[in-house]
């Protein structure tokens, strides 16, 4: 079970990783950061990515409607007590991907047992990074991350 520093080091071990951070999306503060931030400022990157994460998590366009949750289809979004999602806080978004001409920016929301608003942020080089691998590893890291 990695803590913040170990989690960030594991993220930086991914091919093409340029920078990583763990950010509180409510306040925009970085709980930890490593590598090169886009634009050269870790604090500004944390605040800017928090704004993107907050928008995605709060806007109705990304929230499933009640009738979408009760379709009977195996979408992983069912909210019943026996469902995979029944004990979660209810964030409709798992991760975000933003592609630029030179890189990939990934935001993975971290679900915790307490009321938190934390995400993992990873900046990958577009030419040497592996987007699919990064998404899988960030999912794994977000599930194992220990925040105390």
N, C-alpha and C. Protein backbone atom coordinates (compact mmCIF):
# COMPACT_ATOMS: atom_id res chain seq x y z
N UNK A 1 0.83 -1.17 0.00
CA UNK A 1 0.00 0.00 0.00
C UNK A 1 0.88 1.25 0.00
N UNK A 2 1.01 1.88 -1.15
CA UNK A 2 1.91 3.03 -1.21
C UNK A 2 1.28 4.29 -0.63
N UNK A 3 2.14 5.12 -0.03
CA UNK A 3 1.75 6.44 0.40
C UNK A 3 1.94 7.40 -0.76
N UNK A 4 1.86 8.68 -0.49
CA UNK A 4 1.93 9.69 -1.54
C UNK A 4 3.25 9.64 -2.29
N UNK A 5 4.36 9.64 -1.57
CA UNK A 5 5.67 9.66 -2.23
C UNK A 5 5.90 8.41 -3.08
N UNK A 6 5.57 7.25 -2.53
CA UNK A 6 5.76 6.01 -3.28
C UNK A 6 4.86 5.96 -4.52
N UNK A 7 3.64 6.45 -4.36
CA UNK A 7 2.69 6.48 -5.48
C UNK A 7 3.23 7.35 -6.61
N UNK A 8 3.75 8.52 -6.26
CA UNK A 8 4.28 9.42 -7.28
C UNK A 8 5.51 8.83 -7.97
N UNK A 9 6.36 8.16 -7.22
CA UNK A 9 7.53 7.52 -7.82
C UNK A 9 7.13 6.39 -8.76
N UNK A 10 6.10 5.62 -8.39
CA UNK A 10 5.60 4.57 -9.29
C UNK A 10 5.03 5.17 -10.56
N UNK A 11 4.32 6.28 -10.44
CA UNK A 11 3.76 6.94 -11.62
C UNK A 11 4.87 7.44 -12.54
N UNK A 12 5.94 7.96 -11.95
CA UNK A 12 7.06 8.47 -12.76
C UNK A 12 7.85 7.36 -13.43
N UNK A 13 7.67 6.11 -13.00
CA UNK A 13 8.36 4.98 -13.63
C UNK A 13 7.70 4.58 -14.94
N UNK A 14 6.53 5.14 -15.23
CA UNK A 14 5.85 4.82 -16.49
C UNK A 14 6.62 5.39 -17.67
N UNK A 15 6.61 4.69 -18.80
CA UNK A 15 7.29 5.21 -19.99
C UNK A 15 6.72 6.57 -20.40
N UNK A 16 7.59 7.53 -20.60
CA UNK A 16 7.18 8.85 -21.06
C UNK A 16 6.70 9.80 -19.99
N UNK A 17 6.72 9.38 -18.70
CA UNK A 17 6.23 10.25 -17.63
C UNK A 17 7.12 11.48 -17.50
N UNK A 18 6.49 12.64 -17.47
CA UNK A 18 7.24 13.90 -17.33
C UNK A 18 7.01 14.53 -15.97
N UNK A 19 5.83 14.32 -15.41
CA UNK A 19 5.50 14.88 -14.11
C UNK A 19 4.27 14.22 -13.54
N UNK A 20 4.15 14.26 -12.21
CA UNK A 20 3.00 13.65 -11.54
C UNK A 20 2.71 14.43 -10.27
N UNK A 21 1.45 14.36 -9.85
CA UNK A 21 1.05 15.04 -8.62
C UNK A 21 -0.18 14.36 -8.05
N UNK A 22 -0.35 14.55 -6.77
CA UNK A 22 -1.59 14.18 -6.09
C UNK A 22 -2.17 15.50 -5.59
N UNK A 23 -3.41 15.77 -6.01
CA UNK A 23 -3.99 17.09 -5.81
C UNK A 23 -5.36 16.98 -5.14
N UNK A 24 -5.64 17.89 -4.25
CA UNK A 24 -6.98 18.03 -3.67
C UNK A 24 -7.77 18.93 -4.62
N UNK A 25 -8.81 18.40 -5.25
CA UNK A 25 -9.51 19.18 -6.27
C UNK A 25 -10.45 20.22 -5.69
N UNK A 26 -10.71 20.19 -4.39
CA UNK A 26 -11.53 21.23 -3.78
C UNK A 26 -10.71 22.49 -3.56
N UNK A 27 -9.51 22.34 -3.03
CA UNK A 27 -8.67 23.49 -2.72
C UNK A 27 -7.70 23.85 -3.83
N UNK A 28 -7.36 22.88 -4.69
CA UNK A 28 -6.38 23.12 -5.73
C UNK A 28 -4.95 23.00 -5.24
N UNK A 29 -4.76 22.44 -4.06
CA UNK A 29 -3.42 22.29 -3.50
C UNK A 29 -2.85 20.92 -3.79
N UNK A 30 -1.57 20.89 -4.12
CA UNK A 30 -0.87 19.62 -4.35
C UNK A 30 -0.47 19.02 -3.01
N UNK A 31 -0.83 17.75 -2.80
CA UNK A 31 -0.40 17.03 -1.61
C UNK A 31 1.02 16.50 -1.81
N UNK A 32 1.41 16.39 -3.06
CA UNK A 32 2.75 15.96 -3.42
C UNK A 32 2.92 16.10 -4.92
N UNK A 33 4.14 16.34 -5.36
CA UNK A 33 4.39 16.44 -6.79
C UNK A 33 5.84 16.05 -7.06
N UNK A 34 6.08 15.59 -8.29
CA UNK A 34 7.40 15.13 -8.69
C UNK A 34 7.57 15.36 -10.18
N UNK A 35 8.80 15.51 -10.62
CA UNK A 35 9.07 15.69 -12.05
C UNK A 35 8.87 17.12 -12.49
N UNK A 36 8.70 17.28 -13.79
CA UNK A 36 8.52 18.60 -14.38
C UNK A 36 7.03 18.90 -14.53
N UNK A 37 6.57 20.03 -14.00
CA UNK A 37 5.18 20.41 -14.25
C UNK A 37 5.07 21.16 -15.57
N UNK A 38 3.95 21.02 -16.27
CA UNK A 38 3.75 21.84 -17.47
C UNK A 38 3.80 23.32 -17.07
N UNK A 39 4.54 24.10 -17.78
CA UNK A 39 4.64 25.52 -17.45
C UNK A 39 5.66 25.83 -16.37
N UNK A 40 6.25 24.81 -15.76
CA UNK A 40 7.31 25.02 -14.79
C UNK A 40 6.91 25.34 -13.37
N UNK A 41 5.61 25.31 -13.03
CA UNK A 41 5.17 25.69 -11.68
C UNK A 41 4.22 24.62 -11.14
N UNK A 42 4.67 23.89 -10.12
CA UNK A 42 3.85 22.82 -9.53
C UNK A 42 2.54 23.35 -8.94
N UNK A 43 2.59 24.48 -8.26
CA UNK A 43 1.40 25.03 -7.62
C UNK A 43 0.36 25.46 -8.66
N UNK A 44 0.82 26.11 -9.72
CA UNK A 44 -0.11 26.54 -10.78
C UNK A 44 -0.71 25.33 -11.49
N UNK A 45 0.10 24.32 -11.73
CA UNK A 45 -0.40 23.10 -12.37
C UNK A 45 -1.46 22.44 -11.50
N UNK A 46 -1.21 22.36 -10.19
CA UNK A 46 -2.20 21.77 -9.28
C UNK A 46 -3.51 22.54 -9.32
N UNK A 47 -3.43 23.86 -9.25
CA UNK A 47 -4.65 24.68 -9.27
C UNK A 47 -5.40 24.55 -10.59
N UNK A 48 -4.67 24.53 -11.70
CA UNK A 48 -5.32 24.44 -13.01
C UNK A 48 -5.94 23.07 -13.26
N UNK A 49 -5.24 22.01 -12.88
CA UNK A 49 -5.82 20.67 -13.07
C UNK A 49 -6.99 20.46 -12.12
N UNK A 50 -6.93 21.07 -10.94
CA UNK A 50 -8.06 20.97 -10.00
C UNK A 50 -9.30 21.62 -10.59
N UNK A 51 -9.14 22.71 -11.30
CA UNK A 51 -10.28 23.38 -11.93
C UNK A 51 -10.92 22.47 -12.98
N UNK A 52 -10.11 21.80 -13.75
CA UNK A 52 -10.62 20.85 -14.76
C UNK A 52 -11.34 19.70 -14.07
N UNK A 53 -10.71 19.13 -13.04
CA UNK A 53 -11.30 17.99 -12.33
C UNK A 53 -12.62 18.39 -11.67
N UNK A 54 -12.64 19.55 -11.04
CA UNK A 54 -13.85 20.03 -10.37
C UNK A 54 -14.98 20.21 -11.38
N UNK A 55 -14.67 20.77 -12.53
CA UNK A 55 -15.69 20.95 -13.56
C UNK A 55 -16.28 19.62 -14.00
N UNK A 56 -15.42 18.67 -14.27
CA UNK A 56 -15.90 17.36 -14.73
C UNK A 56 -16.71 16.64 -13.66
N UNK A 57 -16.30 16.76 -12.41
CA UNK A 57 -16.99 16.06 -11.33
C UNK A 57 -18.32 16.70 -10.96
N UNK A 58 -18.46 17.98 -11.20
CA UNK A 58 -19.64 18.68 -10.72
C UNK A 58 -20.68 18.98 -11.80
N UNK A 59 -20.28 19.04 -13.06
CA UNK A 59 -21.24 19.41 -14.09
C UNK A 59 -22.19 18.26 -14.42
N UNK A 60 -23.44 18.61 -14.60
CA UNK A 60 -24.49 17.64 -14.87
C UNK A 60 -24.25 16.84 -16.15
N UNK A 61 -23.56 17.39 -17.11
CA UNK A 61 -23.32 16.70 -18.38
C UNK A 61 -22.59 15.37 -18.19
N UNK A 62 -21.82 15.25 -17.13
CA UNK A 62 -21.06 14.03 -16.90
C UNK A 62 -21.68 13.12 -15.86
N UNK A 63 -22.76 13.55 -15.23
CA UNK A 63 -23.42 12.75 -14.20
C UNK A 63 -24.47 11.86 -14.84
N UNK A 64 -24.47 10.56 -14.52
CA UNK A 64 -25.50 9.68 -15.09
C UNK A 64 -26.87 10.01 -14.49
N UNK A 65 -27.88 9.95 -15.33
CA UNK A 65 -29.26 10.14 -14.86
C UNK A 65 -29.72 8.87 -14.16
N UNK A 66 -30.73 9.00 -13.30
CA UNK A 66 -31.26 7.86 -12.57
C UNK A 66 -31.74 6.75 -13.51
N UNK A 67 -32.36 7.13 -14.65
CA UNK A 67 -32.86 6.12 -15.57
C UNK A 67 -31.72 5.38 -16.27
N UNK A 68 -30.53 6.00 -16.37
CA UNK A 68 -29.38 5.31 -16.94
C UNK A 68 -28.81 4.29 -15.96
N UNK A 69 -29.00 4.53 -14.67
CA UNK A 69 -28.47 3.62 -13.66
C UNK A 69 -29.30 2.36 -13.54
N UNK A 70 -30.56 2.40 -13.91
CA UNK A 70 -31.45 1.27 -13.74
C UNK A 70 -31.78 0.55 -15.04
N UNK A 71 -30.86 0.54 -15.99
CA UNK A 71 -31.13 -0.07 -17.28
C UNK A 71 -31.00 -1.58 -17.26
N UNK A 72 -30.36 -2.13 -16.24
CA UNK A 72 -30.13 -3.56 -16.21
C UNK A 72 -28.89 -3.95 -16.98
N UNK A 73 -28.29 -3.00 -17.69
CA UNK A 73 -27.06 -3.28 -18.42
C UNK A 73 -25.88 -3.28 -17.46
N UNK A 74 -24.88 -4.06 -17.74
CA UNK A 74 -23.69 -4.12 -16.91
C UNK A 74 -22.75 -2.99 -17.29
N UNK A 75 -23.06 -1.78 -16.79
CA UNK A 75 -22.24 -0.61 -17.12
C UNK A 75 -21.27 -0.27 -16.01
N UNK A 76 -21.42 -0.95 -14.84
CA UNK A 76 -20.58 -0.61 -13.71
C UNK A 76 -21.08 0.61 -12.96
N UNK A 77 -22.24 1.15 -13.36
CA UNK A 77 -22.78 2.36 -12.72
C UNK A 77 -24.01 2.08 -11.87
N UNK A 78 -24.42 0.82 -11.73
CA UNK A 78 -25.60 0.50 -10.94
C UNK A 78 -25.38 0.93 -9.50
N UNK A 79 -26.43 1.46 -8.88
CA UNK A 79 -26.26 2.01 -7.54
C UNK A 79 -26.93 1.17 -6.47
N UNK A 80 -27.34 -0.03 -6.77
CA UNK A 80 -27.96 -0.90 -5.79
C UNK A 80 -26.99 -1.36 -4.74
N UNK A 81 -27.51 -1.91 -3.62
CA UNK A 81 -26.64 -2.29 -2.52
C UNK A 81 -25.68 -3.42 -2.86
N UNK A 82 -26.02 -4.26 -3.84
CA UNK A 82 -25.15 -5.36 -4.20
C UNK A 82 -24.23 -5.02 -5.35
N UNK A 83 -24.34 -3.80 -5.85
CA UNK A 83 -23.54 -3.44 -7.01
C UNK A 83 -22.12 -3.10 -6.61
N UNK A 84 -21.27 -3.08 -7.62
CA UNK A 84 -19.87 -2.73 -7.41
C UNK A 84 -19.74 -1.29 -6.94
N UNK A 85 -20.69 -0.44 -7.32
CA UNK A 85 -20.60 0.98 -7.03
C UNK A 85 -21.42 1.39 -5.82
N UNK A 86 -22.14 0.49 -5.21
CA UNK A 86 -23.07 0.83 -4.16
C UNK A 86 -22.45 1.52 -2.96
N UNK A 87 -21.18 1.26 -2.65
CA UNK A 87 -20.56 1.85 -1.47
C UNK A 87 -19.68 3.05 -1.81
N UNK A 88 -19.68 3.50 -3.03
CA UNK A 88 -18.82 4.62 -3.43
C UNK A 88 -19.48 5.94 -3.13
N UNK A 89 -18.69 6.99 -3.14
CA UNK A 89 -19.18 8.33 -2.86
C UNK A 89 -20.06 8.87 -3.97
N UNK A 90 -20.01 8.31 -5.16
CA UNK A 90 -20.90 8.72 -6.21
C UNK A 90 -20.33 9.64 -7.25
N UNK A 91 -19.01 9.80 -7.32
CA UNK A 91 -18.46 10.61 -8.40
C UNK A 91 -18.74 9.92 -9.73
N UNK A 92 -19.32 10.63 -10.67
CA UNK A 92 -19.66 10.00 -11.94
C UNK A 92 -18.45 9.81 -12.85
N UNK A 93 -17.34 10.47 -12.57
CA UNK A 93 -16.17 10.44 -13.44
C UNK A 93 -15.08 9.60 -12.80
N UNK A 94 -14.49 8.69 -13.58
CA UNK A 94 -13.36 7.89 -13.09
C UNK A 94 -12.05 8.56 -13.40
N UNK A 95 -11.87 8.93 -14.67
CA UNK A 95 -10.65 9.61 -15.06
C UNK A 95 -10.92 10.54 -16.23
N UNK A 96 -9.96 11.44 -16.45
CA UNK A 96 -10.03 12.40 -17.54
C UNK A 96 -8.75 12.31 -18.34
N UNK A 97 -8.86 12.48 -19.64
CA UNK A 97 -7.69 12.48 -20.51
C UNK A 97 -7.74 13.73 -21.38
N UNK A 98 -6.65 14.44 -21.41
CA UNK A 98 -6.54 15.62 -22.25
C UNK A 98 -5.31 15.43 -23.13
N UNK A 99 -5.51 15.55 -24.42
CA UNK A 99 -4.42 15.36 -25.37
C UNK A 99 -4.01 16.70 -25.95
N UNK A 100 -2.71 16.97 -25.93
CA UNK A 100 -2.18 18.16 -26.56
C UNK A 100 -1.22 17.73 -27.67
N UNK A 101 -0.66 18.67 -28.36
CA UNK A 101 0.26 18.33 -29.46
C UNK A 101 1.51 17.62 -28.97
N UNK A 102 1.89 17.86 -27.72
CA UNK A 102 3.13 17.27 -27.23
C UNK A 102 2.96 16.28 -26.09
N UNK A 103 1.75 16.17 -25.55
CA UNK A 103 1.60 15.28 -24.40
C UNK A 103 0.19 14.84 -24.11
N UNK A 104 0.12 13.94 -23.13
CA UNK A 104 -1.15 13.45 -22.59
C UNK A 104 -1.20 13.88 -21.13
N UNK A 105 -2.35 14.35 -20.70
CA UNK A 105 -2.57 14.72 -19.31
C UNK A 105 -3.68 13.83 -18.79
N UNK A 106 -3.39 13.07 -17.74
CA UNK A 106 -4.36 12.14 -17.16
C UNK A 106 -4.70 12.57 -15.74
N UNK A 107 -5.97 12.54 -15.42
CA UNK A 107 -6.46 12.81 -14.08
C UNK A 107 -7.27 11.59 -13.67
N UNK A 108 -6.89 10.97 -12.57
CA UNK A 108 -7.60 9.80 -12.05
C UNK A 108 -8.10 10.12 -10.64
N UNK A 109 -9.42 10.10 -10.45
CA UNK A 109 -10.01 10.38 -9.15
C UNK A 109 -9.72 9.23 -8.20
N UNK A 110 -9.42 9.57 -6.95
CA UNK A 110 -9.11 8.58 -5.93
C UNK A 110 -10.30 8.48 -4.99
N UNK A 111 -10.84 7.28 -4.85
CA UNK A 111 -11.94 7.06 -3.92
C UNK A 111 -11.37 6.56 -2.61
N UNK A 112 -11.84 7.16 -1.51
CA UNK A 112 -11.34 6.81 -0.19
C UNK A 112 -12.50 6.45 0.73
N UNK A 113 -12.17 5.93 1.91
CA UNK A 113 -13.20 5.59 2.88
C UNK A 113 -13.71 6.82 3.61
N UNK A 114 -12.97 7.92 3.51
CA UNK A 114 -13.43 9.16 4.12
C UNK A 114 -13.77 10.14 3.00
N UNK A 115 -14.40 11.23 3.35
CA UNK A 115 -14.85 12.19 2.35
C UNK A 115 -13.65 12.99 1.83
N UNK A 116 -13.11 12.55 0.72
CA UNK A 116 -11.95 13.26 0.16
C UNK A 116 -12.26 13.70 -1.27
N UNK A 117 -11.44 14.58 -1.73
CA UNK A 117 -11.57 15.07 -3.10
C UNK A 117 -10.17 15.13 -3.70
N UNK A 118 -9.61 13.95 -3.91
CA UNK A 118 -8.22 13.84 -4.33
C UNK A 118 -8.16 13.16 -5.69
N UNK A 119 -7.18 13.58 -6.51
CA UNK A 119 -6.94 12.89 -7.76
C UNK A 119 -5.45 12.77 -8.01
N UNK A 120 -5.11 11.77 -8.83
CA UNK A 120 -3.75 11.60 -9.33
C UNK A 120 -3.66 12.29 -10.67
N UNK A 121 -2.60 13.03 -10.88
CA UNK A 121 -2.37 13.71 -12.15
C UNK A 121 -1.07 13.20 -12.74
N UNK A 122 -1.08 12.88 -14.02
CA UNK A 122 0.13 12.42 -14.70
C UNK A 122 0.25 13.13 -16.03
N UNK A 123 1.45 13.64 -16.31
CA UNK A 123 1.76 14.27 -17.59
C UNK A 123 2.72 13.35 -18.32
N UNK A 124 2.31 12.91 -19.52
CA UNK A 124 3.10 12.00 -20.34
C UNK A 124 3.56 12.68 -21.62
N UNK A 125 4.76 12.35 -22.05
CA UNK A 125 5.23 12.77 -23.36
C UNK A 125 4.41 12.03 -24.42
N UNK A 126 3.96 12.74 -25.42
CA UNK A 126 3.09 12.14 -26.44
C UNK A 126 3.81 11.08 -27.28
N UNK A 127 5.10 11.26 -27.50
CA UNK A 127 5.83 10.36 -28.39
C UNK A 127 6.39 9.13 -27.69
N UNK A 128 6.66 9.21 -26.40
CA UNK A 128 7.25 8.07 -25.70
C UNK A 128 6.31 7.46 -24.66
N UNK A 129 5.20 8.13 -24.37
CA UNK A 129 4.26 7.61 -23.38
C UNK A 129 3.31 6.59 -23.96
N UNK A 130 2.80 5.74 -23.10
CA UNK A 130 1.83 4.73 -23.47
C UNK A 130 0.55 5.04 -22.71
N UNK A 131 -0.42 5.61 -23.40
CA UNK A 131 -1.65 6.08 -22.77
C UNK A 131 -2.44 4.95 -22.12
N UNK A 132 -2.58 3.82 -22.80
CA UNK A 132 -3.34 2.70 -22.25
C UNK A 132 -2.68 2.17 -20.98
N UNK A 133 -1.38 1.98 -21.02
CA UNK A 133 -0.65 1.49 -19.85
C UNK A 133 -0.77 2.48 -18.70
N UNK A 134 -0.66 3.76 -18.99
CA UNK A 134 -0.75 4.78 -17.96
C UNK A 134 -2.12 4.77 -17.29
N UNK A 135 -3.17 4.62 -18.06
CA UNK A 135 -4.52 4.56 -17.47
C UNK A 135 -4.67 3.37 -16.55
N UNK A 136 -4.17 2.22 -16.98
CA UNK A 136 -4.26 1.02 -16.15
C UNK A 136 -3.46 1.18 -14.86
N UNK A 137 -2.25 1.71 -14.96
CA UNK A 137 -1.41 1.87 -13.77
C UNK A 137 -1.98 2.91 -12.82
N UNK A 138 -2.53 4.00 -13.35
CA UNK A 138 -3.13 5.01 -12.48
C UNK A 138 -4.35 4.46 -11.75
N UNK A 139 -5.13 3.64 -12.44
CA UNK A 139 -6.27 3.00 -11.78
C UNK A 139 -5.78 2.14 -10.61
N UNK A 140 -4.74 1.35 -10.87
CA UNK A 140 -4.17 0.49 -9.83
C UNK A 140 -3.62 1.33 -8.67
N UNK A 141 -2.87 2.36 -9.00
CA UNK A 141 -2.31 3.22 -7.96
C UNK A 141 -3.40 3.89 -7.14
N UNK A 142 -4.45 4.35 -7.79
CA UNK A 142 -5.53 5.02 -7.06
C UNK A 142 -6.24 4.07 -6.11
N UNK A 143 -6.30 2.81 -6.46
CA UNK A 143 -6.95 1.82 -5.58
C UNK A 143 -6.06 1.43 -4.41
N UNK A 144 -4.75 1.50 -4.59
CA UNK A 144 -3.82 1.11 -3.52
C UNK A 144 -3.32 2.26 -2.67
N UNK A 145 -3.51 3.50 -3.13
CA UNK A 145 -2.99 4.67 -2.44
C UNK A 145 -3.56 4.77 -1.03
N UNK A 146 -2.67 5.01 -0.08
CA UNK A 146 -3.07 5.18 1.31
C UNK A 146 -2.91 6.65 1.69
N UNK A 147 -4.02 7.26 2.04
CA UNK A 147 -4.01 8.65 2.50
C UNK A 147 -4.39 8.66 3.97
N UNK A 148 -3.53 9.24 4.79
CA UNK A 148 -3.83 9.31 6.23
C UNK A 148 -3.77 10.73 6.73
